[in-house]
Amino acid sequence: MDILVVDNFVFVKTEQPDWENNDKWTVKFKMD
């Protein structure tokens, strides 16, 4: 699993590491 942290968002990617394919990303709030 690849995790990209951008400011207050955590982008979690469970597919192949195709970083440009945003359709496969799920966005979760970083609640800490």
PDB file of N, CA and C in Angstrom:
ATOM      1  N   MET A   1       0.839  -1.198   0.000  1.00  0.00           N
ATOM      2  CA  MET A   1       0.000   0.000   0.000  1.00  0.00           C
ATOM      3  C   MET A   1       0.874   1.248   0.000  1.00  0.00           C
ATOM      4  N   ASP A   2       0.502   2.180  -0.827  1.00  0.00           N
ATOM      5  CA  ASP A   2       1.231   3.444  -0.875  1.00  0.00           C
ATOM      6  C   ASP A   2       0.396   4.530  -0.205  1.00  0.00           C
ATOM      7  N   ILE A   3       1.028   5.301   0.641  1.00  0.00           N
ATOM      8  CA  ILE A   3       0.320   6.372   1.341  1.00  0.00           C
ATOM      9  C   ILE A   3       1.022   7.697   1.069  1.00  0.00           C
ATOM     10  N   LEU A   4       0.263   8.656   0.577  1.00  0.00           N
ATOM     11  CA  LEU A   4       0.794   9.987   0.327  1.00  0.00           C
ATOM     12  C   LEU A   4       0.083  10.966   1.252  1.00  0.00           C
ATOM     13  N   VAL A   5       0.868  11.667   2.071  1.00  0.00           N
ATOM     14  CA  VAL A   5       0.286  12.618   3.018  1.00  0.00           C
ATOM     15  C   VAL A   5       0.443  14.026   2.466  1.00  0.00           C
ATOM     16  N   VAL A   6      -0.686  14.698   2.251  1.00  0.00           N
ATOM     17  CA  VAL A   6      -0.673  16.068   1.740  1.00  0.00           C
ATOM     18  C   VAL A   6      -1.455  16.940   2.706  1.00  0.00           C
ATOM     19  N   ASP A   7      -0.762  17.801   3.430  1.00  0.00           N
ATOM     20  CA  ASP A   7      -1.375  18.668   4.434  1.00  0.00           C
ATOM     21  C   ASP A   7      -2.251  17.854   5.378  1.00  0.00           C
ATOM     22  N   ASN A   8      -3.553  18.094   5.368  1.00  0.00           N
ATOM     23  CA  ASN A   8      -4.437  17.408   6.302  1.00  0.00           C
ATOM     24  C   ASN A   8      -5.106  16.198   5.678  1.00  0.00           C
ATOM     25  N   PHE A   9      -4.678  15.832   4.477  1.00  0.00           N
ATOM     26  CA  PHE A   9      -5.293  14.710   3.791  1.00  0.00           C
ATOM     27  C   PHE A   9      -4.321  13.543   3.701  1.00  0.00           C
ATOM     28  N   VAL A  10      -4.883  12.360   3.758  1.00  0.00           N
ATOM     29  CA  VAL A  10      -4.081  11.159   3.544  1.00  0.00           C
ATOM     30  C   VAL A  10      -4.634  10.441   2.325  1.00  0.00           C
ATOM     31  N   PHE A  11      -3.814  10.308   1.307  1.00  0.00           N
ATOM     32  CA  PHE A  11      -4.228   9.631   0.093  1.00  0.00           C
ATOM     33  C   PHE A  11      -3.711   8.196   0.159  1.00  0.00           C
ATOM     34  N   VAL A  12      -4.635   7.278   0.149  1.00  0.00           N
ATOM     35  CA  VAL A  12      -4.261   5.870   0.279  1.00  0.00           C
ATOM     36  C   VAL A  12      -4.504   5.165  -1.050  1.00  0.00           C
ATOM     37  N   LYS A  13      -3.464   4.546  -1.557  1.00  0.00           N
ATOM     38  CA  LYS A  13      -3.562   3.896  -2.852  1.00  0.00           C
ATOM     39  C   LYS A  13      -3.291   2.405  -2.676  1.00  0.00           C
ATOM     40  N   THR A  14      -4.229   1.596  -3.126  1.00  0.00           N
ATOM     41  CA  THR A  14      -4.085   0.152  -2.942  1.00  0.00           C
ATOM     42  C   THR A  14      -3.884  -0.577  -4.268  1.00  0.00           C
ATOM     43  N   GLU A  15      -3.892   0.166  -5.339  1.00  0.00           N
ATOM     44  CA  GLU A  15      -3.688  -0.427  -6.659  1.00  0.00           C
ATOM     45  C   GLU A  15      -2.199  -0.374  -7.013  1.00  0.00           C
ATOM     46  N   GLN A  16      -1.870  -0.606  -8.273  1.00  0.00           N
ATOM     47  CA  GLN A  16      -0.496  -0.497  -8.726  1.00  0.00           C
ATOM     48  C   GLN A  16      -0.008   0.948  -8.549  1.00  0.00           C
ATOM     49  N   PRO A  17       1.282   1.125  -8.307  1.00  0.00           N
ATOM     50  CA  PRO A  17       1.816   2.465  -8.039  1.00  0.00           C
ATOM     51  C   PRO A  17       1.839   3.367  -9.270  1.00  0.00           C
ATOM     52  N   ASP A  18       0.661   3.591  -9.801  1.00  0.00           N
ATOM     53  CA  ASP A  18       0.528   4.518 -10.924  1.00  0.00           C
ATOM     54  C   ASP A  18       0.035   5.842 -10.356  1.00  0.00           C
ATOM     55  N   TRP A  19       0.982   6.676  -9.999  1.00  0.00           N
ATOM     56  CA  TRP A  19       0.701   7.878  -9.213  1.00  0.00           C
ATOM     57  C   TRP A  19      -0.149   8.890  -9.971  1.00  0.00           C
ATOM     58  N   GLU A  20      -0.196   8.774 -11.283  1.00  0.00           N
ATOM     59  CA  GLU A  20      -0.942   9.744 -12.079  1.00  0.00           C
ATOM     60  C   GLU A  20      -2.394   9.345 -12.271  1.00  0.00           C
ATOM     61  N   ASN A  21      -2.718   8.104 -11.885  1.00  0.00           N
ATOM     62  CA  ASN A  21      -4.085   7.639 -12.074  1.00  0.00           C
ATOM     63  C   ASN A  21      -4.892   7.931 -10.815  1.00  0.00           C
ATOM     64  N   ASN A  22      -5.453   9.134 -10.751  1.00  0.00           N
ATOM     65  CA  ASN A  22      -6.138   9.587  -9.544  1.00  0.00           C
ATOM     66  C   ASN A  22      -7.453   8.873  -9.310  1.00  0.00           C
ATOM     67  N   ASP A  23      -7.978   8.225 -10.342  1.00  0.00           N
ATOM     68  CA  ASP A  23      -9.256   7.534 -10.208  1.00  0.00           C
ATOM     69  C   ASP A  23      -9.168   6.345  -9.254  1.00  0.00           C
ATOM     70  N   LYS A  24      -7.964   5.869  -9.015  1.00  0.00           N
ATOM     71  CA  LYS A  24      -7.791   4.704  -8.153  1.00  0.00           C
ATOM     72  C   LYS A  24      -7.441   5.100  -6.722  1.00  0.00           C
ATOM     73  N   TRP A  25      -7.432   6.411  -6.443  1.00  0.00           N
ATOM     74  CA  TRP A  25      -7.100   6.884  -5.105  1.00  0.00           C
ATOM     75  C   TRP A  25      -8.354   7.047  -4.262  1.00  0.00           C
ATOM     76  N   THR A  26      -8.198   6.778  -2.989  1.00  0.00           N
ATOM     77  CA  THR A  26      -9.251   7.117  -2.037  1.00  0.00           C
ATOM     78  C   THR A  26      -8.713   8.191  -1.106  1.00  0.00           C
ATOM     79  N   VAL A  27      -9.567   9.095  -0.718  1.00  0.00           N
ATOM     80  CA  VAL A  27      -9.142  10.218   0.115  1.00  0.00           C
ATOM     81  C   VAL A  27      -9.731  10.069   1.510  1.00  0.00           C
ATOM     82  N   LYS A  28      -8.862  10.150   2.501  1.00  0.00           N
ATOM     83  CA  LYS A  28      -9.309  10.081   3.884  1.00  0.00           C
ATOM     84  C   LYS A  28      -8.777  11.297   4.646  1.00  0.00           C
ATOM     85  N   PHE A  29      -9.579  11.784   5.568  1.00  0.00           N
ATOM     86  CA  PHE A  29      -9.099  12.871   6.412  1.00  0.00           C
ATOM     87  C   PHE A  29      -8.103  12.348   7.442  1.00  0.00           C
ATOM     88  N   LYS A  30      -7.071  13.124   7.653  1.00  0.00           N
ATOM     89  CA  LYS A  30      -6.133  12.804   8.716  1.00  0.00           C
ATOM     90  C   LYS A  30      -6.632  13.491   9.990  1.00  0.00           C
ATOM     91  N   MET A  31      -7.126  12.679  10.905  1.00  0.00           N
ATOM     92  CA  MET A  31      -7.856  13.245  12.033  1.00  0.00           C
ATOM     93  C   MET A  31      -6.980  13.566  13.236  1.00  0.00           C
ATOM     94  N   ASP A  32      -5.638  13.333  13.138  1.00  0.00           N
ATOM     95  CA  ASP A  32      -4.855  13.622  14.315  1.00  0.00           C
ATOM     96  C   ASP A  32      -4.654  15.093  14.513  1.00  0.00           C
TER      97      ASP A  32
END
